[in-house]
């Protein structure tokens, strides 16, 4: 069967093997990507269909191994190019994005791979990890019984705990089980007891419903962005942190407390705290609900967090004293980043956060090129801060920005001799943090006397 198309593309997909071998380099146009999605959907529907009069792709051109390769390939592309796929499809597919269509095909593959109901029973090792990490969302470990909101609740619990759970690969096994249940919910029709959120279901008949695109997007967003955040934990190799005998970071902080008198500093402090509090999928879910609008961190959290909590944080950042603010565990990292930023801007006319800090909000755009950066910098992953040099992580003692910055100063001194980017001399900053302050003895003034005014 021919595949007529007016658009010149590198190839069309007729079989699972062709879909697996389709060359993706990240530079595909929106039209090429959409053609691949349409062709692959037709091939998968033929495999999943039960009648003989189907799209003639050839039932014998696939096997479970090829299907698994295609699923892993599509999942990798969705995780690494999630933001690029967030493009709404014009025309009759209202509410559908390229990523959503892509996710539907992934879930169709996963549904075809489910050959037994026992595949959705969580194994003992994963069950033990979930219990020890305090992530249990349902008393039943058989996901065949989970409703839509049970799945969303499990993903929300995992999101809320992403900054405190141990960095272990068990999280991926747990997500694999959840994704199998997502595949069933997305692919099949159900009654209202399974699709138990009335806002996220479409009535097909009197007692049969299917999941609304908004509900599908919520499953896709939470599971995919959780996986993307967790993959950062294992993306780079680590090397031992430098030995630090003494430092004077506390003296630096004591001097920079003067920044608390500036309104700009306090406003930026509140912004950084909101950014650090943001969970992986909150911004994306809220943006989709607003038809792709660019939402602030505050607006993303306001739909699911107590407004009183957000208002208290904003008020404390605006009027609270340094000692009061530092009692909140969310403040120290944001406070120290602001102090370093203001110091660098006033002394070097240099934005520290632009050149030496890679936050989790920006990391996915640059994560495959960090080994090319010519200077040490600090990277944030799940609200943990570590230094990085030539693609290797130099872990901080407790994951705080405090120790990551001290490690960064040592790297600047030892690896770059205090000079970065060809001419920026950071030797004074390194001396300020790492060297004992020089005390200039006061000169004695002898032979003085009070002035005689008479």
Protein backbone atom coordinates (compact mmCIF):
# COMPACT_ATOMS: atom_id res chain seq x y z
CA UNK A 1 0.00 0.00 0.00
CA UNK A 2 1.34 3.44 -0.92
CA UNK A 3 1.71 6.33 1.48
CA UNK A 4 1.16 9.45 -0.64
CA UNK A 5 2.45 12.67 0.92
CA UNK A 6 3.19 16.12 -0.46
CA UNK A 7 5.83 16.65 2.23
CA UNK A 8 9.39 15.51 1.54
CA UNK A 9 10.36 13.37 4.52
CA UNK A 10 13.22 10.97 5.14
CA UNK A 11 10.86 7.99 5.25
CA UNK A 12 7.52 6.64 6.31
CA UNK A 13 6.87 3.93 8.85
CA UNK A 14 5.22 0.70 7.72
CA UNK A 15 6.36 -1.80 10.38
CA UNK A 16 7.58 -1.89 13.96
CA UNK A 17 11.11 -2.55 12.70
CA UNK A 18 11.04 0.61 10.61
CA UNK A 19 9.77 2.58 13.60
CA UNK A 20 12.63 1.24 15.74
CA UNK A 21 15.19 2.12 13.06
CA UNK A 22 13.74 5.55 12.29
CA UNK A 23 16.63 8.03 12.73
CA UNK A 24 15.90 10.74 15.31
CA UNK A 25 18.53 13.43 15.75
CA UNK A 26 16.50 16.08 17.57
CA UNK A 27 16.25 18.33 14.50
CA UNK A 28 13.04 16.89 13.05
CA UNK A 29 10.43 19.39 11.96
CA UNK A 30 6.97 19.33 13.48
CA UNK A 31 5.59 17.86 10.25
CA UNK A 32 8.11 14.99 10.16
CA UNK A 33 7.39 14.20 13.80
CA UNK A 34 3.65 14.19 13.24
CA UNK A 35 3.94 11.88 10.21
CA UNK A 36 5.95 9.42 12.30
CA UNK A 37 3.30 9.57 15.03
CA UNK A 38 0.46 8.91 12.56
CA UNK A 39 2.23 6.02 10.82
CA UNK A 40 3.28 4.37 14.06
CA UNK A 41 -0.26 4.70 15.42
CA UNK A 42 -1.65 2.87 12.38
CA UNK A 43 0.89 0.07 12.76
CA UNK A 44 0.17 -0.34 16.49
CA UNK A 45 -3.61 -0.32 15.96
CA UNK A 46 -3.19 -3.14 13.44
CA UNK A 47 -1.26 -5.19 16.01
CA UNK A 48 -3.77 -4.47 18.78
CA UNK A 49 -6.80 -5.14 16.54
CA UNK A 50 -8.64 -8.44 16.59
CA UNK A 51 -10.25 -8.49 13.13
CA UNK A 52 -8.61 -9.51 9.88
CA UNK A 53 -9.59 -6.42 7.88
CA UNK A 54 -6.96 -4.13 9.29
CA UNK A 55 -4.34 -1.76 7.99
CA UNK A 56 -2.07 -4.06 5.92
CA UNK A 57 1.17 -3.71 7.84
CA UNK A 58 1.74 -7.45 8.14
CA UNK A 59 1.04 -9.21 11.40
CA UNK A 60 4.29 -11.18 11.24
CA UNK A 61 6.61 -8.16 11.02
CA UNK A 62 6.93 -7.66 14.78
CA UNK A 63 7.93 -9.57 17.89
CA UNK A 64 7.94 -8.74 21.63
CA UNK A 65 11.62 -7.76 21.55
CA UNK A 66 11.07 -5.24 18.74
CA UNK A 67 8.04 -3.84 20.53
CA UNK A 68 10.05 -3.40 23.72
CA UNK A 69 12.82 -1.63 21.79
CA UNK A 70 10.27 0.76 20.28
CA UNK A 71 8.77 1.50 23.70
CA UNK A 72 12.16 2.27 25.24
CA UNK A 73 13.09 4.45 22.27
CA UNK A 74 9.85 6.43 22.44
CA UNK A 75 10.10 6.79 26.22
CA UNK A 76 13.66 8.11 25.95
CA UNK A 77 12.59 10.69 23.36
CA UNK A 78 9.57 11.75 25.44
CA UNK A 79 11.72 12.16 28.56
CA UNK A 80 14.53 14.09 26.84
CA UNK A 81 12.37 16.18 24.48
CA UNK A 82 9.27 16.63 26.61
CA UNK A 83 9.23 20.43 26.33
CA UNK A 84 9.70 20.28 22.56
CA UNK A 85 6.71 17.93 22.21
CA UNK A 86 4.45 20.28 24.17
CA UNK A 87 2.88 21.71 21.00
CA UNK A 88 -0.89 21.80 20.61
CA UNK A 89 -2.19 20.14 17.44
CA UNK A 90 -4.34 22.54 15.39
CA UNK A 91 -7.66 21.54 13.91
CA UNK A 92 -10.16 19.04 15.26
CA UNK A 93 -7.85 17.49 17.89
CA UNK A 94 -8.61 20.10 20.52
CA UNK A 95 -6.63 19.67 23.68
CA UNK A 96 -4.14 17.27 22.08
CA UNK A 97 -0.42 17.92 21.91
CA UNK A 98 2.29 16.07 20.02
CA UNK A 99 3.53 14.70 23.32
CA UNK A 100 0.05 13.47 24.25
CA UNK A 101 -0.33 11.64 20.94
CA UNK A 102 3.17 10.21 21.45
CA UNK A 103 2.23 9.04 24.96
CA UNK A 104 -0.93 7.35 23.66
CA UNK A 105 1.21 5.19 21.39
CA UNK A 106 3.57 4.35 24.24
CA UNK A 107 0.63 3.26 26.37
CA UNK A 108 -0.73 1.18 23.47
CA UNK A 109 2.61 -0.63 23.26
CA UNK A 110 2.63 -1.17 27.02
CA UNK A 111 -0.94 -2.50 26.87
CA UNK A 112 0.03 -5.00 24.15
CA UNK A 113 2.93 -6.14 26.35
CA UNK A 114 0.64 -6.95 29.29
CA UNK A 115 0.04 -10.68 28.81
CA UNK A 116 -1.08 -11.55 32.35
CA UNK A 117 -2.88 -9.74 35.19
CA UNK A 118 -0.07 -10.86 37.51
CA UNK A 119 2.27 -8.41 35.76
CA UNK A 120 0.55 -5.59 37.66
CA UNK A 121 1.24 -7.09 41.09
CA UNK A 122 4.07 -5.17 42.76
CA UNK A 123 6.98 -7.44 43.64
CA UNK A 124 8.28 -7.85 47.16
CA UNK A 125 11.51 -5.89 46.65
CA UNK A 126 9.69 -2.88 45.19
CA UNK A 127 7.03 -3.18 47.90
CA UNK A 128 9.73 -3.05 50.57
CA UNK A 129 11.27 0.06 48.99
CA UNK A 130 7.88 1.81 48.82
CA UNK A 131 7.14 1.07 52.47
CA UNK A 132 10.60 2.07 53.71
CA UNK A 133 10.40 5.32 51.73
CA UNK A 134 6.89 6.08 53.10
CA UNK A 135 5.32 6.18 49.63
CA UNK A 136 2.44 3.73 50.00
CA UNK A 137 -0.69 5.11 48.37
CA UNK A 138 -3.01 2.11 48.53
CA UNK A 139 -3.35 -0.90 50.81
CA UNK A 140 -3.79 -3.17 47.79
CA UNK A 141 -0.54 -4.01 45.97
CA UNK A 142 -2.39 -5.35 42.92
CA UNK A 143 -2.61 -2.39 40.53
CA UNK A 144 -5.43 -4.06 38.57
CA UNK A 145 -7.77 -2.74 41.28
CA UNK A 146 -6.47 0.84 41.28
CA UNK A 147 -8.76 3.58 40.02
CA UNK A 148 -7.63 6.66 38.13
CA UNK A 149 -7.35 8.77 41.28
CA UNK A 150 -5.42 5.98 43.03
CA UNK A 151 -2.78 6.23 40.30
CA UNK A 152 -2.70 10.03 40.43
CA UNK A 153 -2.44 9.91 44.22
CA UNK A 154 0.53 7.51 44.03
CA UNK A 155 2.31 9.80 41.58
CA UNK A 156 1.56 12.88 43.71
CA UNK A 157 3.01 11.18 46.80
CA UNK A 158 6.13 10.32 44.83
CA UNK A 159 6.40 13.91 43.60
CA UNK A 160 6.05 15.33 47.09
CA UNK A 161 8.80 13.01 48.38
CA UNK A 162 11.23 13.37 45.45
CA UNK A 163 13.51 15.68 47.45
CA UNK A 164 13.84 13.40 50.48
CA UNK A 165 13.78 9.79 49.24
CA UNK A 166 17.09 7.92 48.80
CA UNK A 167 18.62 8.00 45.34
CA UNK A 168 18.03 4.38 44.32
CA UNK A 169 16.92 2.86 41.03
CA UNK A 170 13.90 1.22 42.72
CA UNK A 171 11.97 4.34 41.78
CA UNK A 172 12.13 3.29 38.12
CA UNK A 173 10.74 -0.19 38.90
CA UNK A 174 7.88 1.41 40.83
CA UNK A 175 7.15 3.77 37.92
CA UNK A 176 7.15 0.80 35.52
CA UNK A 177 4.33 -0.85 37.50
CA UNK A 178 2.36 2.41 37.61
CA UNK A 179 2.81 2.92 33.86
CA UNK A 180 1.27 -0.50 33.17
CA UNK A 181 -1.86 0.58 35.02
CA UNK A 182 -1.76 3.90 33.12
CA UNK A 183 -1.70 1.90 29.88
CA UNK A 184 -4.92 0.12 30.84
CA UNK A 185 -6.65 3.32 31.92
CA UNK A 186 -5.66 5.16 28.74
CA UNK A 187 -6.32 2.38 26.23
CA UNK A 188 -9.59 0.83 27.43
CA UNK A 189 -13.06 2.06 28.32
CA UNK A 190 -14.18 1.80 31.96
CA UNK A 191 -17.10 2.46 34.26
CA UNK A 192 -17.31 5.50 36.51
CA UNK A 193 -15.93 3.64 39.55
CA UNK A 194 -12.55 3.24 37.79
CA UNK A 195 -12.49 6.64 36.11
CA UNK A 196 -13.51 8.26 39.38
CA UNK A 197 -12.76 11.88 38.53
CA UNK A 198 -15.85 13.32 36.80
CA UNK A 199 -13.84 16.15 35.25
CA UNK A 200 -11.49 13.74 33.45
CA UNK A 201 -13.87 11.31 31.76
CA UNK A 202 -15.99 11.29 28.60
CA UNK A 203 -19.26 9.33 28.50
CA UNK A 204 -19.36 6.79 25.67
CA UNK A 205 -22.61 5.09 26.62
CA UNK A 206 -24.88 4.91 29.65
CA UNK A 207 -22.35 3.13 31.86
CA UNK A 208 -19.14 3.29 29.82
CA UNK A 209 -16.58 6.09 29.95
CA UNK A 210 -13.19 6.85 28.48
CA UNK A 211 -10.42 9.02 29.84
CA UNK A 212 -10.46 12.69 28.83
CA UNK A 213 -7.31 14.15 27.20
CA UNK A 214 -6.81 16.27 30.35
CA UNK A 215 -6.71 13.12 32.44
CA UNK A 216 -4.30 11.44 30.03
CA UNK A 217 -2.04 14.49 30.12
CA UNK A 218 -1.94 14.42 33.92
CA UNK A 219 -0.78 10.80 33.90
CA UNK A 220 1.79 11.54 31.20
CA UNK A 221 3.11 14.68 32.86
CA UNK A 222 3.51 13.25 36.35
CA UNK A 223 5.04 9.91 35.36
CA UNK A 224 7.35 11.29 32.65
CA UNK A 225 8.65 14.28 34.60
CA UNK A 226 9.20 12.13 37.68
CA UNK A 227 11.30 9.77 35.58
CA UNK A 228 13.17 12.71 34.05
CA UNK A 229 13.99 14.14 37.48
CA UNK A 230 15.15 10.76 38.81
CA UNK A 231 17.35 10.07 35.78
CA UNK A 232 19.45 13.11 36.70
CA UNK A 233 20.59 11.25 39.82
CA UNK A 234 22.52 8.70 37.75
CA UNK A 235 23.40 10.73 34.67
CA UNK A 236 26.98 11.67 35.63
CA UNK A 237 29.91 10.02 37.33
CA UNK A 238 31.16 11.29 40.70
CA UNK A 239 34.66 11.98 41.91
CA UNK A 240 35.86 12.52 45.49
CA UNK A 241 35.32 15.96 46.93
CA UNK A 242 38.46 18.00 47.70
CA UNK A 243 39.79 18.00 51.23
CA UNK A 244 38.80 21.23 53.02
CA UNK A 245 40.61 21.87 56.28
CA UNK A 246 39.15 25.26 57.04
CA UNK A 247 37.05 27.90 55.37
CA UNK A 248 35.51 31.25 56.18
CA UNK A 249 32.11 30.92 54.57
CA UNK A 250 30.43 31.88 57.83
CA UNK A 251 32.32 35.18 57.90
CA UNK A 252 31.21 35.84 54.33
CA UNK A 253 27.57 35.16 55.28
CA UNK A 254 27.84 37.44 58.30
CA UNK A 255 29.06 40.32 56.11
CA UNK A 256 26.45 39.73 53.41
CA UNK A 257 23.54 39.90 55.83
CA UNK A 258 23.56 43.59 54.95
CA UNK A 259 21.70 42.59 51.75
CA UNK A 260 18.57 42.06 53.84
CA UNK A 261 17.98 45.81 53.70
CA UNK A 262 17.42 45.69 49.92
CA UNK A 263 13.95 45.08 48.51
CA UNK A 264 15.32 43.41 45.37
CA UNK A 265 17.20 40.86 47.44
CA UNK A 266 14.08 39.95 49.42
CA UNK A 267 11.95 39.66 46.28
CA UNK A 268 14.48 37.35 44.63
CA UNK A 269 14.64 35.30 47.82
CA UNK A 270 10.89 34.65 47.66
CA UNK A 271 11.17 33.74 43.97
CA UNK A 272 13.94 31.21 44.62
CA UNK A 273 12.06 29.61 47.50
CA UNK A 274 8.99 29.14 45.28
CA UNK A 275 11.17 27.68 42.54
CA UNK A 276 12.74 25.18 44.94
CA UNK A 277 9.35 24.17 46.33
CA UNK A 278 7.97 23.41 42.87
CA UNK A 279 7.36 19.72 42.17
CA UNK A 280 8.37 18.19 38.81
CA UNK A 281 4.96 18.26 37.10
CA UNK A 282 3.15 21.15 38.78
CA UNK A 283 4.07 23.81 36.24
CA UNK A 284 3.34 21.57 33.25
CA UNK A 285 -0.05 20.41 34.54
CA UNK A 286 -1.19 23.96 35.26
CA UNK A 287 0.14 25.21 31.93
CA UNK A 288 -1.87 22.56 30.06
CA UNK A 289 -5.03 23.52 31.95
CA UNK A 290 -4.48 27.10 30.77
CA UNK A 291 -4.02 26.04 27.11
CA UNK A 292 -0.24 26.24 27.10
CA UNK A 293 0.15 29.54 28.96
CA UNK A 294 3.45 30.28 30.67
CA UNK A 295 2.61 30.18 34.38
CA UNK A 296 4.69 31.41 37.29
CA UNK A 297 5.92 29.14 40.08
CA UNK A 298 3.40 30.72 42.47
CA UNK A 299 0.48 30.18 40.06
CA UNK A 300 1.56 26.58 39.44
CA UNK A 301 1.56 25.80 43.16
CA UNK A 302 -1.54 27.82 44.03
CA UNK A 303 -3.90 25.28 42.45
CA UNK A 304 -2.75 22.44 44.71
CA UNK A 305 -1.12 24.04 47.77
CA UNK A 306 -2.68 25.98 50.65
CA UNK A 307 -2.64 29.65 49.72
CA UNK A 308 -2.05 30.57 53.34
CA UNK A 309 1.28 28.71 53.26
CA UNK A 310 2.41 30.57 50.14
CA UNK A 311 1.29 33.91 51.56
CA UNK A 312 3.12 33.31 54.85
CA UNK A 313 6.34 32.59 52.94
CA UNK A 314 5.92 35.76 50.88
CA UNK A 315 5.25 37.85 54.00
CA UNK A 316 8.24 36.43 55.87
CA UNK A 317 10.53 37.11 52.89
CA UNK A 318 9.27 40.69 52.73
CA UNK A 319 9.40 41.61 56.41
CA UNK A 320 11.04 38.81 58.41
CA UNK A 321 14.44 39.18 60.07
CA UNK A 322 17.40 37.05 59.10
CA UNK A 323 17.20 34.88 62.21
CA UNK A 324 13.47 34.24 61.77
CA UNK A 325 13.87 33.37 58.10
CA UNK A 326 16.72 30.93 58.67
CA UNK A 327 14.56 28.80 60.97
CA UNK A 328 12.62 27.67 57.89
CA UNK A 329 14.41 24.75 56.19
CA UNK A 330 13.44 26.08 52.75
CA UNK A 331 15.30 29.36 53.19
CA UNK A 332 19.07 28.74 53.71
CA UNK A 333 19.95 27.57 50.18
CA UNK A 334 17.96 30.39 48.56
CA UNK A 335 19.46 32.89 51.02
CA UNK A 336 23.06 31.89 50.31
CA UNK A 337 22.50 31.91 46.54
CA UNK A 338 21.17 35.47 46.82
CA UNK A 339 24.16 36.57 48.89
CA UNK A 340 26.66 35.17 46.39
CA UNK A 341 24.68 36.65 43.51
CA UNK A 342 24.66 40.15 45.04
CA UNK A 343 28.35 39.96 45.98
CA UNK A 344 29.38 38.91 42.46
CA UNK A 345 27.19 41.57 40.89
CA UNK A 346 28.60 44.38 43.04
CA UNK A 347 32.28 43.36 42.98
CA UNK A 348 32.67 41.70 39.55
CA UNK A 349 29.62 43.03 37.67
CA UNK A 350 28.97 39.35 36.95
CA UNK A 351 25.76 37.30 37.35
CA UNK A 352 26.66 34.19 39.34
CA UNK A 353 23.32 32.48 38.62
CA UNK A 354 23.79 32.93 34.87
CA UNK A 355 27.31 31.50 34.55
CA UNK A 356 27.96 29.28 37.57
CA UNK A 357 24.59 27.87 38.69
CA UNK A 358 22.57 25.35 36.67
CA UNK A 359 19.16 25.01 38.33
CA UNK A 360 16.80 22.12 37.76
CA UNK A 361 14.49 24.39 35.77
CA UNK A 362 17.20 24.85 33.10
CA UNK A 363 19.19 21.66 33.46
CA UNK A 364 17.25 19.57 30.93
CA UNK A 365 18.10 21.98 28.14
CA UNK A 366 21.84 21.74 28.77
CA UNK A 367 22.40 18.35 30.46
CA UNK A 368 24.00 16.71 27.42
CA UNK A 369 26.56 19.51 26.98
CA UNK A 370 27.76 20.17 30.53
CA UNK A 371 31.08 18.41 29.86
CA UNK A 372 31.94 21.21 27.41
CA UNK A 373 31.67 24.02 29.99
CA UNK A 374 35.09 25.55 30.59
CA UNK A 375 34.68 26.38 34.27
CA UNK A 376 33.42 24.62 37.41
CA UNK A 377 29.80 25.34 38.26
CA UNK A 378 27.09 24.23 40.69
CA UNK A 379 24.27 21.95 39.59
CA UNK A 380 20.91 21.45 41.30
CA UNK A 381 19.14 18.07 41.25
CA UNK A 382 16.03 17.40 43.34
CA UNK A 383 16.98 20.42 45.46
CA UNK A 384 20.44 19.00 46.14
CA UNK A 385 23.43 21.15 45.19
CA UNK A 386 26.77 19.73 44.00
CA UNK A 387 29.73 21.16 42.15
CA UNK A 388 30.57 19.91 38.65
CA UNK A 389 33.81 19.96 36.69
CA UNK A 390 34.28 18.54 33.17
CA UNK A 391 31.16 16.41 33.37
CA UNK A 392 31.90 14.88 36.78
CA UNK A 393 29.96 15.54 39.97
CA UNK A 394 31.88 16.68 43.06
CA UNK A 395 29.34 15.92 45.82
CA UNK A 396 28.85 18.33 48.68
CA UNK A 397 28.81 17.06 52.25
CA UNK A 398 25.09 17.38 52.90
CA UNK A 399 23.67 18.49 49.55
CA UNK A 400 23.38 22.13 50.61
CA UNK A 401 24.43 25.12 48.55
CA UNK A 402 26.68 26.13 51.47
CA UNK A 403 29.09 23.22 50.95
CA UNK A 404 28.65 23.14 47.19
CA UNK A 405 29.85 26.75 47.01
CA UNK A 406 32.87 25.99 49.22
CA UNK A 407 33.76 23.06 46.93
CA UNK A 408 33.29 25.33 43.92
CA UNK A 409 35.76 27.87 45.34
CA UNK A 410 38.33 25.11 45.86
CA UNK A 411 37.86 23.92 42.26
CA UNK A 412 38.22 27.46 40.94
CA UNK A 413 41.51 27.83 42.82
CA UNK A 414 43.04 24.41 42.12
CA UNK A 415 41.76 23.56 38.65
CA UNK A 416 41.52 27.04 37.09
CA UNK A 417 44.11 28.97 39.14
CA UNK A 418 41.45 31.48 40.05
CA UNK A 419 40.76 32.65 36.48
CA UNK A 420 37.75 31.52 34.42
CA UNK A 421 36.40 32.21 30.95
CA UNK A 422 39.70 33.65 29.80
CA UNK A 423 39.85 36.73 31.98
CA UNK A 424 37.51 36.74 34.97
CA UNK A 425 39.81 36.85 38.02
CA UNK A 426 38.10 35.17 40.98
CA UNK A 427 41.19 34.98 43.18
CA UNK A 428 39.88 37.62 45.62
CA UNK A 429 36.64 35.66 46.06
CA UNK A 430 38.54 32.40 46.66
CA UNK A 431 40.75 34.15 49.23
CA UNK A 432 37.68 35.59 50.93
CA UNK A 433 36.15 32.12 51.37
CA UNK A 434 39.20 29.91 51.87
CA UNK A 435 41.97 32.05 53.42
CA UNK A 436 42.26 33.44 56.90
CA UNK A 437 41.49 37.17 56.91
CA UNK A 438 44.50 39.42 57.25
CA UNK A 439 44.28 41.58 60.34
CA UNK A 440 46.00 44.94 60.06
CA UNK A 441 47.27 46.07 63.45
CA UNK A 442 46.07 49.46 64.55
CA UNK A 443 48.83 52.11 64.59
CA UNK A 444 49.59 53.72 67.89
CA UNK A 445 49.30 57.48 67.91
CA UNK A 446 51.39 59.10 70.58
CA UNK A 447 51.74 62.71 71.79
CA UNK A 448 48.12 63.66 71.18
CA UNK A 449 46.13 65.87 73.43
CA UNK A 450 42.78 67.55 73.51
CA UNK A 451 42.43 70.67 71.45
CA UNK A 452 42.41 73.79 73.54
CA UNK A 453 39.46 75.84 72.36
CA UNK A 454 40.22 78.79 74.58
